[in-house]
Every structure is written in structure tokens, then in C-alpha cells.
Protein backbone atom coordinates (compact mmCIF):
# COMPACT_ATOMS: atom_id res chain seq x y z
CA UNK A 1 0.00 0.00 0.00
CA UNK A 2 1.35 3.39 -1.02
CA UNK A 3 1.54 6.51 1.13
CA UNK A 4 -1.19 8.17 -0.96
CA UNK A 5 -3.59 5.32 -0.24
CA UNK A 6 -2.85 5.49 3.49
CA UNK A 7 -3.47 9.26 3.37
CA UNK A 8 -6.79 8.71 1.59
CA UNK A 9 -7.82 6.12 4.18
CA UNK A 10 -6.89 8.49 7.02
CA UNK A 11 -8.81 11.40 5.53
CA UNK A 12 -11.85 9.20 4.90
CA UNK A 13 -11.74 7.96 8.50
CA UNK A 14 -11.51 11.50 9.87
CA UNK A 15 -14.38 12.61 7.63
CA UNK A 16 -16.53 9.68 8.75
CA UNK A 17 -15.85 10.45 12.40
CA UNK A 18 -16.74 14.11 11.82
CA UNK A 19 -20.01 13.24 10.07
CA UNK A 20 -20.90 10.82 12.87
CA UNK A 21 -20.27 13.50 15.49
CA UNK A 22 -22.41 16.01 13.56
CA UNK A 23 -25.24 13.49 13.31
CA UNK A 24 -25.04 12.79 17.05
CA UNK A 25 -25.08 16.51 17.85
CA UNK A 26 -28.07 17.06 15.56
CA UNK A 27 -30.02 14.21 17.19
CA UNK A 28 -29.16 15.46 20.67
CA UNK A 29 -30.26 19.05 19.97
CA UNK A 30 -33.45 17.95 18.23
CA UNK A 31 -34.68 16.30 21.44
CA UNK A 32 -37.05 18.50 23.49
CA UNK A 33 -35.82 19.58 26.89
CA UNK A 34 -37.56 18.76 30.16
CA UNK A 35 -39.02 22.28 30.34
CA UNK A 36 -40.46 21.95 26.84
CA UNK A 37 -42.06 18.59 27.68
CA UNK A 38 -43.56 19.79 30.95
CA UNK A 39 -44.69 23.25 29.77
CA UNK A 40 -47.90 22.06 27.94
CA UNK A 41 -49.09 20.39 31.15
CA UNK A 42 -48.70 23.52 33.28
CA UNK A 43 -51.49 26.01 33.82
CA UNK A 44 -51.25 29.70 33.09
CA UNK A 45 -49.33 31.55 30.42
CA UNK A 46 -45.98 30.21 29.34
CA UNK A 47 -43.04 31.96 30.94
CA UNK A 48 -39.99 32.90 28.97
CA UNK A 49 -36.67 33.81 30.51
CA UNK A 50 -35.11 37.13 29.66
CA UNK A 51 -31.93 35.44 28.47
CA UNK A 52 -33.79 33.15 26.08
CA UNK A 53 -31.83 33.00 22.79
CA UNK A 54 -33.22 34.95 19.92
CA UNK A 55 -34.97 33.02 17.19
CA UNK A 56 -33.56 32.77 13.70
CA UNK A 57 -35.94 34.58 11.37
CA UNK A 58 -33.95 35.55 8.30
CA UNK A 59 -32.93 32.14 6.96
CA UNK A 60 -36.38 30.85 6.03
CA UNK A 61 -36.65 27.10 5.52
CA UNK A 62 -32.94 26.65 6.18
CA UNK A 63 -33.37 27.96 9.72
CA UNK A 64 -36.23 25.49 10.28
CA UNK A 65 -34.21 22.50 9.11
CA UNK A 66 -30.86 23.32 10.71
CA UNK A 67 -32.09 25.51 13.58
CA UNK A 68 -30.66 23.38 16.44
CA UNK A 69 -27.14 23.25 14.99
CA UNK A 70 -27.11 26.91 13.91
CA UNK A 71 -28.56 28.02 17.26
CA UNK A 72 -25.85 26.07 19.07
CA UNK A 73 -23.17 27.80 16.99
CA UNK A 74 -24.78 31.21 17.63
CA UNK A 75 -24.80 30.51 21.37
CA UNK A 76 -21.11 29.63 21.27
CA UNK A 77 -20.35 32.88 19.42
CA UNK A 78 -22.36 34.86 21.97
CA UNK A 79 -20.32 33.29 24.76
CA UNK A 80 -17.15 34.61 23.11
CA UNK A 81 -18.56 38.15 23.54
CA UNK A 82 -17.70 39.42 20.06
CA UNK A 83 -19.20 42.85 20.71
CA UNK A 84 -22.95 42.34 20.46
CA UNK A 85 -23.69 45.88 21.66
CA UNK A 86 -21.58 47.42 18.89
CA UNK A 87 -23.07 44.95 16.41
CA UNK A 88 -26.60 45.97 17.38
CA UNK A 89 -25.68 49.63 16.83
CA UNK A 90 -24.14 48.83 13.44
CA UNK A 91 -27.23 46.90 12.35
CA UNK A 92 -29.32 49.92 13.31
CA UNK A 93 -27.01 52.21 11.30
CA UNK A 94 -27.39 49.94 8.27
CA UNK A 95 -31.18 49.95 8.61
CA UNK A 96 -31.15 46.17 8.69
CA UNK A 97 -34.15 44.19 9.93
CA UNK A 98 -31.85 41.43 11.17
CA UNK A 99 -31.28 40.71 14.83
CA UNK A 100 -27.98 39.59 16.33
CA UNK A 101 -28.87 35.89 16.11
CA UNK A 102 -29.71 36.14 12.41
CA UNK A 103 -26.48 38.01 11.70
CA UNK A 104 -24.36 35.45 13.55
CA UNK A 105 -26.21 32.66 11.73
CA UNK A 106 -25.37 34.25 8.38
CA UNK A 107 -21.73 34.46 9.42
CA UNK A 108 -21.73 30.76 10.32
CA UNK A 109 -23.44 29.77 7.06
CA UNK A 110 -20.92 31.77 5.01
CA UNK A 111 -17.99 30.26 6.93
CA UNK A 112 -19.30 26.70 6.54
CA UNK A 113 -19.98 27.21 2.83
CA UNK A 114 -16.48 28.60 2.26
CA UNK A 115 -14.96 25.73 4.25
CA UNK A 116 -16.91 23.18 2.19
CA UNK A 117 -15.85 24.73 -1.14
CA UNK A 118 -12.21 25.05 -0.02
CA UNK A 119 -12.19 21.47 1.27
CA UNK A 120 -13.56 20.12 -2.01
CA UNK A 121 -10.97 22.08 -4.00
CA UNK A 122 -8.11 20.95 -1.75
CA UNK A 123 -9.20 17.30 -1.93
CA UNK A 124 -9.32 17.50 -5.73
CA UNK A 125 -5.86 19.10 -5.81
CA UNK A 126 -4.46 16.50 -3.37
CA UNK A 127 -5.81 13.64 -5.48
CA UNK A 128 -4.03 15.10 -8.52
CA UNK A 129 -0.79 15.43 -6.47
CA UNK A 130 -0.89 19.23 -6.82
CA UNK A 131 -1.27 20.21 -3.16
CA UNK A 132 0.25 19.15 0.14
CA UNK A 133 -2.31 18.16 2.84
CA UNK A 134 -0.90 20.61 5.39
CA UNK A 135 -1.08 23.47 2.89
CA UNK A 136 -4.65 22.40 2.10
CA UNK A 137 -5.55 22.58 5.80
CA UNK A 138 -4.12 26.09 6.00
CA UNK A 139 -6.09 27.12 2.93
CA UNK A 140 -9.34 25.74 4.37
CA UNK A 141 -8.82 27.56 7.68
CA UNK A 142 -7.95 30.79 5.86
CA UNK A 143 -11.02 30.59 3.62
CA UNK A 144 -13.24 29.92 6.63
CA UNK A 145 -11.91 32.90 8.60
CA UNK A 146 -12.08 35.23 5.59
CA UNK A 147 -15.67 34.21 4.84
CA UNK A 148 -16.64 34.69 8.49
CA UNK A 149 -15.34 38.26 8.54
CA UNK A 150 -16.50 39.04 5.00
CA UNK A 151 -19.98 39.53 6.42
CA UNK A 152 -18.62 42.41 8.51
CA UNK A 153 -17.23 44.02 5.37
CA UNK A 154 -20.64 43.69 3.70
CA UNK A 155 -22.26 45.32 6.73
CA UNK A 156 -19.75 48.18 6.60
CA UNK A 157 -20.53 48.68 2.92
CA UNK A 158 -24.25 48.79 3.70
CA UNK A 159 -23.67 51.38 6.44
CA UNK A 160 -21.58 53.63 4.18
CA UNK A 161 -24.11 53.36 1.35
CA UNK A 162 -27.01 54.18 3.64
CA UNK A 163 -25.14 57.15 5.13
CA UNK A 164 -24.52 58.53 1.66
CA UNK A 165 -28.22 58.22 0.85
CA UNK A 166 -29.24 59.95 4.08
CA UNK A 167 -26.83 62.83 3.49
CA UNK A 168 -28.19 63.21 -0.05
CA UNK A 169 -31.80 63.25 1.21
CA UNK A 170 -31.16 65.39 4.25
CA UNK A 171 -31.36 68.92 2.70
CA UNK A 172 -34.71 68.20 1.05
CA UNK A 173 -36.15 66.64 4.22
CA UNK A 174 -34.98 69.64 6.28
CA UNK A 175 -36.67 72.03 3.85
CA UNK A 176 -39.89 70.01 4.00
CA UNK A 177 -39.87 70.11 7.81
CA UNK A 178 -39.29 73.87 7.78
CA UNK A 179 -42.12 74.46 5.29
CA UNK A 180 -44.50 72.23 7.27
CA UNK A 181 -43.80 74.07 10.52
CA UNK A 182 -44.11 77.44 8.74
CA UNK A 183 -47.50 76.31 7.41
CA UNK A 184 -48.78 75.78 10.97
CA UNK A 185 -47.91 72.17 11.81
CA UNK A 186 -46.36 71.21 15.12
CA UNK A 187 -43.05 69.38 15.31
CA UNK A 188 -44.80 66.01 15.54
CA UNK A 189 -47.18 66.97 12.72
CA UNK A 190 -44.27 68.01 10.51
CA UNK A 191 -42.48 64.72 11.19
CA UNK A 192 -45.63 62.77 10.41
CA UNK A 193 -46.20 64.70 7.19
CA UNK A 194 -42.62 64.12 6.02
CA UNK A 195 -42.66 60.45 7.02
CA UNK A 196 -45.89 59.78 5.13
CA UNK A 197 -45.16 61.80 1.97
CA UNK A 198 -41.41 61.37 1.47
CA UNK A 199 -39.53 58.24 0.46
CA UNK A 200 -36.04 57.24 1.49
CA UNK A 201 -33.93 56.21 4.43
CA UNK A 202 -34.36 59.41 6.45
CA UNK A 203 -38.13 59.29 6.02
CA UNK A 204 -38.01 55.70 7.28
CA UNK A 205 -36.08 56.84 10.36
CA UNK A 206 -38.70 59.52 11.03
CA UNK A 207 -41.40 56.84 10.78
CA UNK A 208 -39.53 54.94 13.52
CA UNK A 209 -39.50 58.14 15.58
CA UNK A 210 -43.28 58.43 15.17
CA UNK A 211 -43.69 54.79 16.17
CA UNK A 212 -41.65 55.44 19.33
CA UNK A 213 -43.82 58.49 20.11
CA UNK A 214 -47.03 56.46 19.68
CA UNK A 215 -45.64 53.78 21.96
CA UNK A 216 -45.28 56.31 24.79
CA UNK A 217 -41.90 58.00 24.37
CA UNK A 218 -41.59 61.76 24.30
CA UNK A 219 -40.57 63.67 21.20
CA UNK A 220 -37.18 64.53 22.66
CA UNK A 221 -36.47 60.92 23.65
CA UNK A 222 -37.51 59.56 20.25
CA UNK A 223 -35.37 62.11 18.39
CA UNK A 224 -32.40 61.35 20.66
CA UNK A 225 -32.80 57.63 19.88
CA UNK A 226 -32.84 58.45 16.16
CA UNK A 227 -29.66 60.49 16.53
CA UNK A 228 -27.97 57.62 18.38
CA UNK A 229 -28.99 55.16 15.66
CA UNK A 230 -27.71 57.21 12.73
CA UNK A 231 -24.56 58.74 14.30
CA UNK A 232 -24.22 61.34 11.54
CA UNK A 233 -22.93 64.78 12.55
CA UNK A 234 -25.25 66.87 10.32
CA UNK A 235 -28.31 64.91 11.44
CA UNK A 236 -27.21 65.09 15.08
CA UNK A 237 -26.84 68.88 14.87
CA UNK A 238 -30.23 69.20 13.20
CA UNK A 239 -31.93 67.01 15.82
CA UNK A 240 -30.14 68.86 18.63
CA UNK A 241 -31.40 72.21 17.31
CA UNK A 242 -34.92 70.86 16.91
CA UNK A 243 -34.86 69.42 20.43
CA UNK A 244 -33.59 72.64 22.02
CA UNK A 245 -36.19 74.72 20.17
CA UNK A 246 -38.95 72.34 21.28
CA UNK A 247 -37.84 72.37 24.92
CA UNK A 248 -37.30 76.15 25.22
CA UNK A 249 -40.29 77.23 23.17
CA UNK A 250 -38.26 78.89 20.42
CA UNK A 251 -40.21 79.41 17.16
CA UNK A 252 -39.62 76.19 15.25
CA UNK A 253 -40.04 77.73 11.79
CA UNK A 254 -37.08 80.10 12.27
CA UNK A 255 -34.89 77.38 13.75
CA UNK A 256 -35.74 74.86 11.02
CA UNK A 257 -35.14 77.38 8.23
CA UNK A 258 -31.75 78.22 9.76
CA UNK A 259 -30.95 74.51 10.09
CA UNK A 260 -32.01 73.88 6.49
CA UNK A 261 -29.78 76.74 5.30
CA UNK A 262 -26.85 75.29 7.23
CA UNK A 263 -27.51 71.90 5.64
CA UNK A 264 -27.51 73.47 2.17
CA UNK A 265 -24.21 75.22 2.88
CA UNK A 266 -22.74 71.96 4.19
CA UNK A 267 -23.82 70.19 1.00
CA UNK A 268 -22.18 72.89 -1.12
CA UNK A 269 -18.93 72.57 0.85
CA UNK A 270 -18.96 68.80 0.43
CA UNK A 271 -19.56 69.16 -3.31
CA UNK A 272 -16.61 71.57 -3.55
CA UNK A 273 -14.40 69.11 -1.65
CA UNK A 274 -15.47 66.25 -3.92
CA UNK A 275 -14.84 68.43 -7.00
CA UNK A 276 -11.35 69.26 -5.73
CA UNK A 277 -10.54 65.59 -5.20
CA UNK A 278 -11.86 64.74 -8.67
CA UNK A 279 -9.63 67.41 -10.21
CA UNK A 280 -6.59 65.90 -8.52
CA UNK A 281 -7.68 62.45 -9.67
CA UNK A 282 -8.00 63.68 -13.26
CA UNK A 283 -4.37 64.87 -13.17
CA UNK A 284 -3.11 61.31 -12.61
CA UNK A 285 -3.82 59.96 -16.16
CA UNK A 286 -2.76 63.30 -17.60
CA UNK A 287 0.65 63.27 -15.93
CA UNK A 288 1.41 59.55 -16.11
CA UNK A 289 -0.35 58.77 -19.41
CA UNK A 290 -0.81 61.67 -21.82
CA UNK A 291 2.33 63.64 -20.94
CA UNK A 292 4.82 60.74 -21.42
CA UNK A 293 3.21 59.87 -24.76
CA UNK A 294 3.50 63.49 -25.87
CA UNK A 295 7.18 63.54 -24.96
CA UNK A 296 7.76 60.26 -26.80
CA UNK A 297 5.99 61.50 -29.94
CA UNK A 298 8.00 64.73 -29.85
CA UNK A 299 11.42 63.16 -29.22
CA UNK A 300 11.19 59.94 -31.27
CA UNK A 301 11.31 61.60 -34.77
CA UNK A 302 14.42 63.53 -33.77
CA UNK A 303 16.13 60.38 -32.50
CA UNK A 304 15.20 58.59 -35.71
CA UNK A 305 16.79 61.34 -37.80
CA UNK A 306 19.92 61.25 -35.65
CA UNK A 307 20.17 57.50 -36.13
CA UNK A 308 19.74 57.92 -39.91
CA UNK A 309 22.42 60.60 -39.96
CA UNK A 310 24.79 58.35 -38.04
């Protein structure tokens, strides 16, 4: 028996042991606990503990089939304390409807999928004698880790894209609020008018503010929660000015018009900054592309004539 055959037998044995362990874990987690078996026989409403793990809602049928295994992995990640508070704030900034459990489940699914693809590729390369097993193990681990953290990069991209949309919508929304208040609406009425007539991310945030107000929160508290969710300096300044005017009884129309003017000026400054950066970017192909070609076209005929003369 050759070394390759022994290696294949060893890998097959390890794979069989791993599949057996996964099957045993799945069977163990699919069994109902004692509390779940006794709960239907108890009188009164069912009691849930405050630390009960969140349900997986964003994976559809996949979460129903593999819920015990995925929930176990999510619980293990939560025990590692990977910054769930910061993650919850980032999900709010991205405007995502996912909870922490769904996000961790997506990370696990991406990591497992990457590990499966990398393992299949490494096995195929090892069979064709093109890859060492240890190097294949390193590649599988690297692909798994990169796929796990790739979800964070996607979330960061979503946050930046949503911030750009909010900043683009913000001047128009501020003008609409100022016009609504000048027409006789209160601060809550202006927010409701903008939330129901406008479309976009900022209008969605104002609809959340109205929902918080209807649930019992004050206007100041709801606006402060919106500012904490977005964490954008222009929006924070606008909400701070609106809150101070509401608390001190300052005429809202004047304050909102001033805030809207400041937002317009801020947008103009940002456009000028972007235009300046674009001008510098346009100089790069001019200096490193067009200018060298111009020099070559100007010098080459002279060099050719010198060579002919020689």
C-alpha cells in the first residue's frame, strides 16, 4: 500500500468520524428539553426567561431545518462576547431588519460554505498530487476565517451606502420640515407629514421616531434615539437644534429654516471638496499617461533622424 492510499484512508476515517459527530449533535439538539415537555401540562401563560436566545428569522426554511445546529453555533459565538452591543448599533445604522442571532447565523453559514468549497478544491488538488495536505488545511482555515469576517465588510458597505443616501436626502427633508412648521404644523405633525409623503432612508427613520412616540416615548427621547442610531454629525446637529427649540419654546419655523440653510451650505462645501478631489484624480492619467506619450511622440522623430544621420 502506497503513502497516498494510506493518506486517503486516514482522511476518509476522519471525515466519517466528523459526520458521525455532527449526526449525534443534531439528534441530541433535536430532542425537546424537560421544560419543553412539561410546559404544555402547566397552567397559566408560558413563561420565557429574559436570556432566552433569539430566534432565527432571516434564513427561512434553512433555519427550520438546521435551527438546532445553527442556534448552538450562535450561542457559542455569543459566549465569546464578540461585541454584540456594537453589532446591534451597526445593524441599526445599516437599517437592517436582522437581529444579532440572524447576523451570527449568516456568518456561520458563510464560513461553513467557504470551508466546504475550499475542502472540495483541496481534496481534488491532493488527489491530482498538486497540493500538500498541510497546505490544504491552512487554505481551508484561511477561507473559513475570511468568509466569516467578509460579512462584517458587507455590513460596513451597507452602512456607508445608507449614510450617503441619508446625506443626499437630508437637505430636502430639512426644507420640507421647515415648510411644514411654517404652514402651521407642530413638530410632531411636521415629522408625520414628512414620514408619510417622502420616500427614502431618512423618512423611514422619522417613521420609527413616530412609532416610538405612539408607543409612549416623548418627542425629545424619540429624536435622541434616532440620533444615536444614525450617528451622523449633520443629522445630530439638526436634531439637537430641533430638540432645544422644542424644549425652550423657540419658534420652530425660524430654527428649522436656519438649520435647512446650514444643511444646504454643508452640501455645497462637500460638493466643492469632492470636486477638488476629482480634479486631482484627473491629473493622474494626464501626468502619467498623456504627458509621457507626448514627450515620446516629440522626441522619437528627432532620435530617428539622428540614427539615420549616423
